[in-house]
PDB file of N, CA and C in Angstrom:
ATOM      1  N   MET A   1     -38.916 -12.668   9.245  1.00  0.00           N
ATOM      2  CA  MET A   1     -37.853 -13.585   8.886  1.00  0.00           C
ATOM      3  C   MET A   1     -37.272 -13.236   7.509  1.00  0.00           C
ATOM      4  N   LYS A   2     -38.136 -12.867   6.568  1.00  0.00           N
ATOM      5  CA  LYS A   2     -37.664 -12.516   5.232  1.00  0.00           C
ATOM      6  C   LYS A   2     -36.765 -11.283   5.281  1.00  0.00           C
ATOM      7  N   LYS A   3     -37.105 -10.349   6.168  1.00  0.00           N
ATOM      8  CA  LYS A   3     -36.288  -9.146   6.296  1.00  0.00           C
ATOM      9  C   LYS A   3     -34.889  -9.498   6.802  1.00  0.00           C
ATOM     10  N   LEU A   4     -34.822 -10.431   7.736  1.00  0.00           N
ATOM     11  CA  LEU A   4     -33.533 -10.852   8.279  1.00  0.00           C
ATOM     12  C   LEU A   4     -32.682 -11.525   7.197  1.00  0.00           C
ATOM     13  N   VAL A   5     -33.292 -12.407   6.433  1.00  0.00           N
ATOM     14  CA  VAL A   5     -32.579 -13.087   5.348  1.00  0.00           C
ATOM     15  C   VAL A   5     -32.104 -12.063   4.317  1.00  0.00           C
ATOM     16  N   TYR A   6     -32.954 -11.124   3.989  1.00  0.00           N
ATOM     17  CA  TYR A   6     -32.615 -10.069   3.035  1.00  0.00           C
ATOM     18  C   TYR A   6     -31.439  -9.235   3.556  1.00  0.00           C
ATOM     19  N   PHE A   7     -31.506  -8.847   4.820  1.00  0.00           N
ATOM     20  CA  PHE A   7     -30.454  -8.043   5.437  1.00  0.00           C
ATOM     21  C   PHE A   7     -29.123  -8.792   5.445  1.00  0.00           C
ATOM     22  N   VAL A   8     -29.146 -10.050   5.844  1.00  0.00           N
ATOM     23  CA  VAL A   8     -27.924 -10.857   5.890  1.00  0.00           C
ATOM     24  C   VAL A   8     -27.349 -11.035   4.482  1.00  0.00           C
ATOM     25  N   SER A   9     -28.213 -11.234   3.508  1.00  0.00           N
ATOM     26  CA  SER A   9     -27.760 -11.387   2.117  1.00  0.00           C
ATOM     27  C   SER A   9     -27.070 -10.120   1.622  1.00  0.00           C
ATOM     28  N   ILE A  10     -27.671  -8.982   1.902  1.00  0.00           N
ATOM     29  CA  ILE A  10     -27.079  -7.698   1.505  1.00  0.00           C
ATOM     30  C   ILE A  10     -25.743  -7.489   2.212  1.00  0.00           C
ATOM     31  N   LEU A  11     -25.689  -7.794   3.490  1.00  0.00           N
ATOM     32  CA  LEU A  11     -24.461  -7.640   4.261  1.00  0.00           C
ATOM     33  C   LEU A  11     -23.344  -8.515   3.689  1.00  0.00           C
ATOM     34  N   MET A  12     -23.658  -9.748   3.356  1.00  0.00           N
ATOM     35  CA  MET A  12     -22.661 -10.655   2.777  1.00  0.00           C
ATOM     36  C   MET A  12     -22.186 -10.152   1.419  1.00  0.00           C
ATOM     37  N   LEU A  13     -23.090  -9.614   0.640  1.00  0.00           N
ATOM     38  CA  LEU A  13     -22.736  -9.074  -0.666  1.00  0.00           C
ATOM     39  C   LEU A  13     -21.789  -7.886  -0.524  1.00  0.00           C
ATOM     40  N   VAL A  14     -22.076  -7.009   0.412  1.00  0.00           N
ATOM     41  CA  VAL A  14     -21.226  -5.841   0.649  1.00  0.00           C
ATOM     42  C   VAL A  14     -19.825  -6.279   1.075  1.00  0.00           C
ATOM     43  N   VAL A  15     -19.745  -7.238   1.981  1.00  0.00           N
ATOM     44  CA  VAL A  15     -18.447  -7.727   2.444  1.00  0.00           C
ATOM     45  C   VAL A  15     -17.676  -8.355   1.286  1.00  0.00           C
ATOM     46  N   PHE A  16     -18.346  -9.141   0.472  1.00  0.00           N
ATOM     47  CA  PHE A  16     -17.701  -9.796  -0.666  1.00  0.00           C
ATOM     48  C   PHE A  16     -17.188  -8.777  -1.678  1.00  0.00           C
ATOM     49  N   VAL A  17     -18.015  -7.840  -2.050  1.00  0.00           N
ATOM     50  CA  VAL A  17     -17.629  -6.835  -3.044  1.00  0.00           C
ATOM     51  C   VAL A  17     -16.496  -5.966  -2.513  1.00  0.00           C
ATOM     52  N   THR A  18     -16.567  -5.597  -1.248  1.00  0.00           N
ATOM     53  CA  THR A  18     -15.518  -4.782  -0.640  1.00  0.00           C
ATOM     54  C   THR A  18     -14.179  -5.510  -0.677  1.00  0.00           C
ATOM     55  N   SER A  19     -14.191  -6.803  -0.389  1.00  0.00           N
ATOM     56  CA  SER A  19     -12.940  -7.559  -0.396  1.00  0.00           C
ATOM     57  C   SER A  19     -12.359  -7.680  -1.798  1.00  0.00           C
ATOM     58  N   LEU A  20     -13.200  -7.655  -2.811  1.00  0.00           N
ATOM     59  CA  LEU A  20     -12.707  -7.710  -4.188  1.00  0.00           C
ATOM     60  C   LEU A  20     -11.903  -6.472  -4.552  1.00  0.00           C
ATOM     61  N   PHE A  21     -12.303  -5.329  -4.011  1.00  0.00           N
ATOM     62  CA  PHE A  21     -11.650  -4.073  -4.347  1.00  0.00           C
ATOM     63  C   PHE A  21     -10.595  -3.646  -3.334  1.00  0.00           C
ATOM     64  N   ALA A  22     -10.390  -4.433  -2.307  1.00  0.00           N
ATOM     65  CA  ALA A  22      -9.402  -4.084  -1.296  1.00  0.00           C
ATOM     66  C   ALA A  22      -7.995  -4.250  -1.860  1.00  0.00           C
ATOM     67  N   ALA A  23      -7.098  -3.451  -1.362  1.00  0.00           N
ATOM     68  CA  ALA A  23      -5.712  -3.544  -1.808  1.00  0.00           C
ATOM     69  C   ALA A  23      -5.105  -4.855  -1.328  1.00  0.00           C
ATOM     70  N   ASN A  24      -4.205  -5.383  -2.096  1.00  0.00           N
ATOM     71  CA  ASN A  24      -3.550  -6.642  -1.798  1.00  0.00           C
ATOM     72  C   ASN A  24      -2.197  -6.340  -1.156  1.00  0.00           C
ATOM     73  N   THR A  25      -2.126  -6.451   0.172  1.00  0.00           N
ATOM     74  CA  THR A  25      -0.887  -6.087   0.866  1.00  0.00           C
ATOM     75  C   THR A  25       0.237  -7.073   0.582  1.00  0.00           C
ATOM     76  N   ARG A  26      -0.096  -8.330   0.328  1.00  0.00           N
ATOM     77  CA  ARG A  26       0.944  -9.313   0.005  1.00  0.00           C
ATOM     78  C   ARG A  26       1.642  -8.916  -1.302  1.00  0.00           C
ATOM     79  N   ASP A  27       0.841  -8.542  -2.290  1.00  0.00           N
ATOM     80  CA  ASP A  27       1.418  -8.080  -3.553  1.00  0.00           C
ATOM     81  C   ASP A  27       2.178  -6.773  -3.340  1.00  0.00           C
ATOM     82  N   GLY A  28       1.629  -5.901  -2.495  1.00  0.00           N
ATOM     83  CA  GLY A  28       2.303  -4.641  -2.187  1.00  0.00           C
ATOM     84  C   GLY A  28       3.674  -4.863  -1.567  1.00  0.00           C
ATOM     85  N   ARG A  29       3.759  -5.857  -0.702  1.00  0.00           N
ATOM     86  CA  ARG A  29       5.039  -6.198  -0.074  1.00  0.00           C
ATOM     87  C   ARG A  29       6.039  -6.661  -1.128  1.00  0.00           C
ATOM     88  N   ARG A  30       5.603  -7.559  -2.010  1.00  0.00           N
ATOM     89  CA  ARG A  30       6.489  -8.057  -3.073  1.00  0.00           C
ATOM     90  C   ARG A  30       6.958  -6.921  -3.985  1.00  0.00           C
ATOM     91  N   LYS A  31       6.014  -6.086  -4.396  1.00  0.00           N
ATOM     92  CA  LYS A  31       6.351  -4.991  -5.313  1.00  0.00           C
ATOM     93  C   LYS A  31       7.271  -3.967  -4.646  1.00  0.00           C
ATOM     94  N   PHE A  32       7.008  -3.653  -3.371  1.00  0.00           N
ATOM     95  CA  PHE A  32       7.868  -2.703  -2.662  1.00  0.00           C
ATOM     96  C   PHE A  32       9.288  -3.243  -2.575  1.00  0.00           C
ATOM     97  N   ARG A  33       9.415  -4.504  -2.171  1.00  0.00           N
ATOM     98  CA  ARG A  33      10.752  -5.089  -2.026  1.00  0.00           C
ATOM     99  C   ARG A  33      11.491  -5.149  -3.357  1.00  0.00           C
ATOM    100  N   LYS A  34      10.796  -5.552  -4.409  1.00  0.00           N
ATOM    101  CA  LYS A  34      11.438  -5.714  -5.720  1.00  0.00           C
ATOM    102  C   LYS A  34      11.706  -4.373  -6.402  1.00  0.00           C
ATOM    103  N   ASN A  35      10.703  -3.510  -6.448  1.00  0.00           N
ATOM    104  CA  ASN A  35      10.798  -2.285  -7.240  1.00  0.00           C
ATOM    105  C   ASN A  35      11.270  -1.062  -6.472  1.00  0.00           C
ATOM    106  N   CYS A  36      11.129  -1.066  -5.185  1.00  0.00           N
ATOM    107  CA  CYS A  36      11.504   0.117  -4.400  1.00  0.00           C
ATOM    108  C   CYS A  36      12.743  -0.163  -3.547  1.00  0.00           C
ATOM    109  N   TYR A  37      12.641  -1.182  -2.705  1.00  0.00           N
ATOM    110  CA  TYR A  37      13.720  -1.439  -1.750  1.00  0.00           C
ATOM    111  C   TYR A  37      14.977  -1.950  -2.441  1.00  0.00           C
ATOM    112  N   GLN A  38      14.877  -3.026  -3.194  1.00  0.00           N
ATOM    113  CA  GLN A  38      16.065  -3.607  -3.828  1.00  0.00           C
ATOM    114  C   GLN A  38      16.685  -2.673  -4.861  1.00  0.00           C
ATOM    115  N   MET A  39      15.849  -1.965  -5.601  1.00  0.00           N
ATOM    116  CA  MET A  39      16.353  -1.111  -6.677  1.00  0.00           C
ATOM    117  C   MET A  39      16.964   0.197  -6.159  1.00  0.00           C
ATOM    118  N   CYS A  40      16.410   0.763  -5.093  1.00  0.00           N
ATOM    119  CA  CYS A  40      16.859   2.099  -4.666  1.00  0.00           C
ATOM    120  C   CYS A  40      17.023   2.262  -3.156  1.00  0.00           C
ATOM    121  N   HIS A  41      15.999   1.904  -2.402  1.00  0.00           N
ATOM    122  CA  HIS A  41      15.926   2.321  -1.006  1.00  0.00           C
ATOM    123  C   HIS A  41      16.718   1.468  -0.027  1.00  0.00           C
ATOM    124  N   LYS A  42      17.307   0.384  -0.495  1.00  0.00           N
ATOM    125  CA  LYS A  42      18.139  -0.418   0.398  1.00  0.00           C
ATOM    126  C   LYS A  42      19.335   0.400   0.873  1.00  0.00           C
ATOM    127  N   LYS A  43      19.912   1.180  -0.037  1.00  0.00           N
ATOM    128  CA  LYS A  43      21.115   1.965   0.312  1.00  0.00           C
ATOM    129  C   LYS A  43      20.825   3.057   1.334  1.00  0.00           C
ATOM    130  N   ASP A  44      19.623   3.630   1.304  1.00  0.00           N
ATOM    131  CA  ASP A  44      19.302   4.666   2.293  1.00  0.00           C
ATOM    132  C   ASP A  44      18.442   4.140   3.439  1.00  0.00           C
ATOM    133  N   GLY A  45      18.179   2.838   3.436  1.00  0.00           N
ATOM    134  CA  GLY A  45      17.505   2.198   4.561  1.00  0.00           C
ATOM    135  C   GLY A  45      16.037   2.535   4.731  1.00  0.00           C
ATOM    136  N   ILE A  46      15.352   2.954   3.680  1.00  0.00           N
ATOM    137  CA  ILE A  46      13.927   3.267   3.801  1.00  0.00           C
ATOM    138  C   ILE A  46      13.119   1.979   3.732  1.00  0.00           C
ATOM    139  N   THR A  47      12.407   1.709   4.815  1.00  0.00           N
ATOM    140  CA  THR A  47      11.551   0.530   4.937  1.00  0.00           C
ATOM    141  C   THR A  47      10.165   0.998   5.376  1.00  0.00           C
ATOM    142  N   PRO A  48       9.183   0.102   5.424  1.00  0.00           N
ATOM    143  CA  PRO A  48       7.848   0.522   5.881  1.00  0.00           C
ATOM    144  C   PRO A  48       7.866   1.184   7.258  1.00  0.00           C
ATOM    145  N   SER A  49       8.737   0.706   8.148  1.00  0.00           N
ATOM    146  CA  SER A  49       8.767   1.277   9.498  1.00  0.00           C
ATOM    147  C   SER A  49       9.616   2.547   9.595  1.00  0.00           C
ATOM    148  N   SER A  50      10.061   3.061   8.470  1.00  0.00           N
ATOM    149  CA  SER A  50      10.821   4.320   8.482  1.00  0.00           C
ATOM    150  C   SER A  50       9.938   5.521   8.799  1.00  0.00           C
ATOM    151  N   TYR A  51       8.653   5.435   8.452  1.00  0.00           N
ATOM    152  CA  TYR A  51       7.735   6.560   8.628  1.00  0.00           C
ATOM    153  C   TYR A  51       6.435   6.110   9.280  1.00  0.00           C
ATOM    154  N   THR A  52       5.714   7.073   9.818  1.00  0.00           N
ATOM    155  CA  THR A  52       4.386   6.800  10.373  1.00  0.00           C
ATOM    156  C   THR A  52       3.389   6.627   9.230  1.00  0.00           C
ATOM    157  N   ALA A  53       2.225   6.099   9.561  1.00  0.00           N
ATOM    158  CA  ALA A  53       1.174   5.916   8.552  1.00  0.00           C
ATOM    159  C   ALA A  53       0.782   7.256   7.934  1.00  0.00           C
ATOM    160  N   ALA A  54       0.702   8.292   8.754  1.00  0.00           N
ATOM    161  CA  ALA A  54       0.320   9.613   8.233  1.00  0.00           C
ATOM    162  C   ALA A  54       1.347  10.128   7.222  1.00  0.00           C
ATOM    163  N   LYS A  55       2.612   9.912   7.506  1.00  0.00           N
ATOM    164  CA  LYS A  55       3.652  10.371   6.577  1.00  0.00           C
ATOM    165  C   LYS A  55       3.597   9.568   5.277  1.00  0.00           C
ATOM    166  N   TRP A  56       3.450   8.227   5.389  1.00  0.00           N
ATOM    167  CA  TRP A  56       3.321   7.423   4.169  1.00  0.00           C
ATOM    168  C   TRP A  56       2.107   7.867   3.373  1.00  0.00           C
ATOM    169  N   ASP A  57       1.007   8.099   4.063  1.00  0.00           N
ATOM    170  CA  ASP A  57      -0.227   8.504   3.388  1.00  0.00           C
ATOM    171  C   ASP A  57      -0.033   9.822   2.640  1.00  0.00           C
ATOM    172  N   SER A  58       0.745  10.715   3.227  1.00  0.00           N
ATOM    173  CA  SER A  58       0.973  12.015   2.578  1.00  0.00           C
ATOM    174  C   SER A  58       1.690  11.866   1.234  1.00  0.00           C
ATOM    175  N   TYR A  59       2.484  10.821   1.081  1.00  0.00           N
ATOM    176  CA  TYR A  59       3.172  10.591  -0.192  1.00  0.00           C
ATOM    177  C   TYR A  59       2.217  10.119  -1.286  1.00  0.00           C
ATOM    178  N   PHE A  60       1.132   9.467  -0.893  1.00  0.00           N
ATOM    179  CA  PHE A  60       0.232   8.866  -1.875  1.00  0.00           C
ATOM    180  C   PHE A  60      -1.035   9.678  -2.141  1.00  0.00           C
ATOM    181  N   THR A  61      -1.226  10.794  -1.453  1.00  0.00           N
ATOM    182  CA  THR A  61      -2.404  11.628  -1.692  1.00  0.00           C
ATOM    183  C   THR A  61      -2.104  12.658  -2.782  1.00  0.00           C
ATOM    184  N   ASN A  62      -3.140  13.356  -3.224  1.00  0.00           N
ATOM    185  CA  ASN A  62      -3.004  14.401  -4.258  1.00  0.00           C
ATOM    186  C   ASN A  62      -2.266  13.901  -5.499  1.00  0.00           C
ATOM    187  N   ASN A  63      -2.729  12.768  -6.006  1.00  0.00           N
ATOM    188  CA  ASN A  63      -2.154  12.179  -7.225  1.00  0.00           C
ATOM    189  C   ASN A  63      -0.661  11.881  -7.060  1.00  0.00           C
ATOM    190  N   MET A  64      -0.273  11.550  -5.833  1.00  0.00           N
ATOM    191  CA  MET A  64       1.107  11.175  -5.490  1.00  0.00           C
ATOM    192  C   MET A  64       2.127  12.267  -5.803  1.00  0.00           C
ATOM    193  N   GLU A  65       1.707  13.521  -5.686  1.00  0.00           N
ATOM    194  CA  GLU A  65       2.610  14.635  -5.997  1.00  0.00           C
ATOM    195  C   GLU A  65       3.876  14.608  -5.141  1.00  0.00           C
ATOM    196  N   LYS A  66       3.727  14.348  -3.848  1.00  0.00           N
ATOM    197  CA  LYS A  66       4.891  14.336  -2.959  1.00  0.00           C
ATOM    198  C   LYS A  66       5.818  13.168  -3.311  1.00  0.00           C
ATOM    199  N   LEU A  67       5.242  12.026  -3.642  1.00  0.00           N
ATOM    200  CA  LEU A  67       6.036  10.858  -4.029  1.00  0.00           C
ATOM    201  C   LEU A  67       6.806  11.140  -5.318  1.00  0.00           C
ATOM    202  N   LYS A  68       6.145  11.778  -6.258  1.00  0.00           N
ATOM    203  CA  LYS A  68       6.804  12.137  -7.520  1.00  0.00           C
ATOM    204  C   LYS A  68       7.910  13.168  -7.290  1.00  0.00           C
ATOM    205  N   LYS A  69       7.677  14.071  -6.338  1.00  0.00           N
ATOM    206  CA  LYS A  69       8.649  15.133  -6.066  1.00  0.00           C
ATOM    207  C   LYS A  69       9.955  14.566  -5.497  1.00  0.00           C
ATOM    208  N   VAL A  70       9.859  13.554  -4.631  1.00  0.00           N
ATOM    209  CA  VAL A  70      11.080  12.983  -4.045  1.00  0.00           C
ATOM    210  C   VAL A  70      11.779  12.014  -4.997  1.00  0.00           C
ATOM    211  N   HIS A  71      11.089  11.580  -6.029  1.00  0.00           N
ATOM    212  CA  HIS A  71      11.686  10.730  -7.065  1.00  0.00           C
ATOM    213  C   HIS A  71      11.967  11.611  -8.286  1.00  0.00           C
ATOM    214  N   LYS A  72      12.990  12.420  -8.170  1.00  0.00           N
ATOM    215  CA  LYS A  72      13.281  13.463  -9.157  1.00  0.00           C
ATOM    216  C   LYS A  72      13.706  12.931 -10.528  1.00  0.00           C
ATOM    217  N   ASN A  73      14.213  11.719 -10.577  1.00  0.00           N
ATOM    218  CA  ASN A  73      14.706  11.162 -11.841  1.00  0.00           C
ATOM    219  C   ASN A  73      13.691  10.243 -12.517  1.00  0.00           C
ATOM    220  N   ASN A  74      12.417  10.483 -12.250  1.00  0.00           N
ATOM    221  CA  ASN A  74      11.322   9.706 -12.856  1.00  0.00           C
ATOM    222  C   ASN A  74      11.386   8.211 -12.551  1.00  0.00           C
ATOM    223  N   GLU A  75      11.840   7.860 -11.365  1.00  0.00           N
ATOM    224  CA  GLU A  75      11.916   6.449 -10.993  1.00  0.00           C
ATOM    225  C   GLU A  75      10.546   5.783 -10.994  1.00  0.00           C
ATOM    226  N   LEU A  76       9.508   6.538 -10.645  1.00  0.00           N
ATOM    227  CA  LEU A  76       8.163   5.946 -10.634  1.00  0.00           C
ATOM    228  C   LEU A  76       7.743   5.522 -12.031  1.00  0.00           C
ATOM    229  N   GLU A  77       7.982   6.367 -13.003  1.00  0.00           N
ATOM    230  CA  GLU A  77       7.624   6.031 -14.381  1.00  0.00           C
ATOM    231  C   GLU A  77       8.490   4.888 -14.900  1.00  0.00           C
ATOM    232  N   LYS A  78       9.759   4.902 -14.545  1.00  0.00           N
ATOM    233  CA  LYS A  78      10.680   3.852 -14.996  1.00  0.00           C
ATOM    234  C   LYS A  78      10.310   2.491 -14.410  1.00  0.00           C
ATOM    235  N   SER A  79       9.732   2.481 -13.212  1.00  0.00           N
ATOM    236  CA  SER A  79       9.365   1.213 -12.570  1.00  0.00           C
ATOM    237  C   SER A  79       8.180   0.547 -13.263  1.00  0.00           C
ATOM    238  N   LYS A  80       7.406   1.330 -14.013  1.00  0.00           N
ATOM    239  CA  LYS A  80       6.241   0.836 -14.754  1.00  0.00           C
ATOM    240  C   LYS A  80       5.224   0.131 -13.854  1.00  0.00           C
ATOM    241  N   LEU A  81       5.099   0.618 -12.617  1.00  0.00           N
ATOM    242  CA  LEU A  81       4.094   0.090 -11.696  1.00  0.00           C
ATOM    243  C   LEU A  81       2.734   0.654 -12.071  1.00  0.00           C
ATOM    244  N   SER A  82       1.730  -0.203 -12.058  1.00  0.00           N
ATOM    245  CA  SER A  82       0.370   0.238 -12.363  1.00  0.00           C
ATOM    246  C   SER A  82      -0.217   0.971 -11.163  1.00  0.00           C
ATOM    247  N   VAL A  83      -1.329   1.624 -11.365  1.00  0.00           N
ATOM    248  CA  VAL A  83      -2.025   2.308 -10.272  1.00  0.00           C
ATOM    249  C   VAL A  83      -2.410   1.292  -9.202  1.00  0.00           C
ATOM    250  N   GLU A  84      -2.885   0.133  -9.623  1.00  0.00           N
ATOM    251  CA  GLU A  84      -3.262  -0.916  -8.668  1.00  0.00           C
ATOM    252  C   GLU A  84      -2.051  -1.370  -7.854  1.00  0.00           C
ATOM    253  N   GLU A  85      -0.919  -1.546  -8.496  1.00  0.00           N
ATOM    254  CA  GLU A  85       0.290  -1.962  -7.782  1.00  0.00           C
ATOM    255  C   GLU A  85       0.747  -0.883  -6.807  1.00  0.00           C
ATOM    256  N   LEU A  86       0.657   0.373  -7.201  1.00  0.00           N
ATOM    257  CA  LEU A  86       1.000   1.469  -6.289  1.00  0.00           C
ATOM    258  C   LEU A  86       0.037   1.523  -5.111  1.00  0.00           C
ATOM    259  N   ASN A  87      -1.240   1.246  -5.351  1.00  0.00           N
ATOM    260  CA  ASN A  87      -2.212   1.187  -4.252  1.00  0.00           C
ATOM    261  C   ASN A  87      -1.882   0.044  -3.305  1.00  0.00           C
ATOM    262  N   ASN A  88      -1.450  -1.082  -3.849  1.00  0.00           N
ATOM    263  CA  ASN A  88      -1.058  -2.215  -3.012  1.00  0.00           C
ATOM    264  C   ASN A  88       0.164  -1.869  -2.166  1.00  0.00           C
ATOM    265  N   ILE A  89       1.134  -1.188  -2.768  1.00  0.00           N
ATOM    266  CA  ILE A  89       2.316  -0.746  -2.021  1.00  0.00           C
ATOM    267  C   ILE A  89       1.903   0.229  -0.920  1.00  0.00           C
ATOM    268  N   HIS A  90       1.034   1.160  -1.246  1.00  0.00           N
ATOM    269  CA  HIS A  90       0.536   2.130  -0.267  1.00  0.00           C
ATOM    270  C   HIS A  90      -0.095   1.402   0.919  1.00  0.00           C
ATOM    271  N   GLN A  91      -0.960   0.440   0.646  1.00  0.00           N
ATOM    272  CA  GLN A  91      -1.622  -0.309   1.717  1.00  0.00           C
ATOM    273  C   GLN A  91      -0.602  -1.068   2.560  1.00  0.00           C
ATOM    274  N   TYR A  92       0.369  -1.693   1.912  1.00  0.00           N
ATOM    275  CA  TYR A  92       1.425  -2.417   2.630  1.00  0.00           C
ATOM    276  C   TYR A  92       2.198  -1.475   3.555  1.00  0.00           C
ATOM    277  N   LEU A  93       2.581  -0.318   3.042  1.00  0.00           N
ATOM    278  CA  LEU A  93       3.328   0.645   3.853  1.00  0.00           C
ATOM    279  C   LEU A  93       2.501   1.142   5.032  1.00  0.00           C
ATOM    280  N   MET A  94       1.216   1.359   4.818  1.00  0.00           N
ATOM    281  CA  MET A  94       0.332   1.819   5.895  1.00  0.00           C
ATOM    282  C   MET A  94       0.206   0.757   6.991  1.00  0.00           C
ATOM    283  N   GLU A  95       0.057  -0.496   6.584  1.00  0.00           N
ATOM    284  CA  GLU A  95      -0.143  -1.578   7.558  1.00  0.00           C
ATOM    285  C   GLU A  95       1.124  -1.941   8.319  1.00  0.00           C
ATOM    286  N   HIS A  96       2.281  -1.534   7.815  1.00  0.00           N
ATOM    287  CA  HIS A  96       3.541  -1.887   8.472  1.00  0.00           C
ATOM    288  C   HIS A  96       4.397  -0.663   8.783  1.00  0.00           C
ATOM    289  N   SER A  97       3.735   0.475   8.942  1.00  0.00           N
ATOM    290  CA  SER A  97       4.436   1.725   9.257  1.00  0.00           C
ATOM    291  C   SER A  97       4.945   1.713  10.698  1.00  0.00           C
ATOM    292  N   LEU A  98       5.704   2.724  11.038  1.00  0.00           N
ATOM    293  CA  LEU A  98       6.304   2.838  12.365  1.00  0.00           C
ATOM    294  C   LEU A  98       5.265   2.772  13.484  1.00  0.00           C
ATOM    295  N   ASP A  99       4.111   3.397  13.290  1.00  0.00           N
ATOM    296  CA  ASP A  99       3.088   3.448  14.333  1.00  0.00           C
ATOM    297  C   ASP A  99       1.997   2.389  14.160  1.00  0.00           C
ATOM    298  N   SER A 100       2.237   1.381  13.342  1.00  0.00           N
ATOM    299  CA  SER A 100       1.238   0.326  13.136  1.00  0.00           C
ATOM    300  C   SER A 100       1.379  -0.758  14.200  1.00  0.00           C
ATOM    301  N   LYS A 101       0.466  -1.712  14.165  1.00  0.00           N
ATOM    302  CA  LYS A 101       0.532  -2.837  15.101  1.00  0.00           C
ATOM    303  C   LYS A 101       1.642  -3.813  14.723  1.00  0.00           C
ATOM    304  N   ALA A 102       2.081  -3.761  13.465  1.00  0.00           N
ATOM    305  CA  ALA A 102       3.102  -4.697  12.989  1.00  0.00           C
ATOM    306  C   ALA A 102       4.153  -3.982  12.141  1.00  0.00           C
ATOM    307  N   PRO A 103       4.974  -3.104  12.765  1.00  0.00           N
ATOM    308  CA  PRO A 103       6.009  -2.421  11.990  1.00  0.00           C
ATOM    309  C   PRO A 103       6.939  -3.452  11.345  1.00  0.00           C
ATOM    310  N   GLU A 104       7.395  -3.141  10.153  1.00  0.00           N
ATOM    311  CA  GLU A 104       8.204  -4.117   9.429  1.00  0.00           C
ATOM    312  C   GLU A 104       9.376  -3.442   8.741  1.00  0.00           C
ATOM    313  N   THR A 105      10.505  -4.136   8.791  1.00  0.00           N
ATOM    314  CA  THR A 105      11.658  -3.711   8.006  1.00  0.00           C
ATOM    315  C   THR A 105      11.761  -4.672   6.834  1.00  0.00           C
ATOM    316  N   CYS A 106      12.721  -4.509   6.005  1.00  0.00           N
ATOM    317  CA  CYS A 106      12.881  -5.403   4.849  1.00  0.00           C
ATOM    318  C   CYS A 106      13.968  -6.433   5.092  1.00  0.00           C
ATOM    319  N   GLU A 107      14.388  -6.576   6.316  1.00  0.00           N
ATOM    320  CA  GLU A 107      15.415  -7.561   6.650  1.00  0.00           C
ATOM    321  C   GLU A 107      14.786  -8.944   6.713  1.00  0.00           C
ATOM    322  N   GLY A 108      15.505  -9.909   6.232  1.00  0.00           N
ATOM    323  CA  GLY A 108      15.060 -11.303   6.325  1.00  0.00           C
ATOM    324  C   GLY A 108      14.030 -11.742   5.390  1.00  0.00           C
TER     325      GLY A 108
END
């Protein structure tokens, strides 16, 4: 019985700690709409459902080199988004990409 209680306690701790470090997609949605969509991407129609999860992921890997490359005028630095905020945006884009269960545009 003690082993079961110990196991359940450890499992609950892992779930709790993991949720603390998980990206906040709600914040990612707000930041994407305010700093990315409204400021720049509304005119070219880039929304979360514009690309697949794999394509979005490719922009955020390798220290975001691909993302920096397509933002040639230092828009990322000008936006002053923190690493945490960029991670939240990344998670939001992944969860609402073209091939996700809930593709999303920025309309409405």
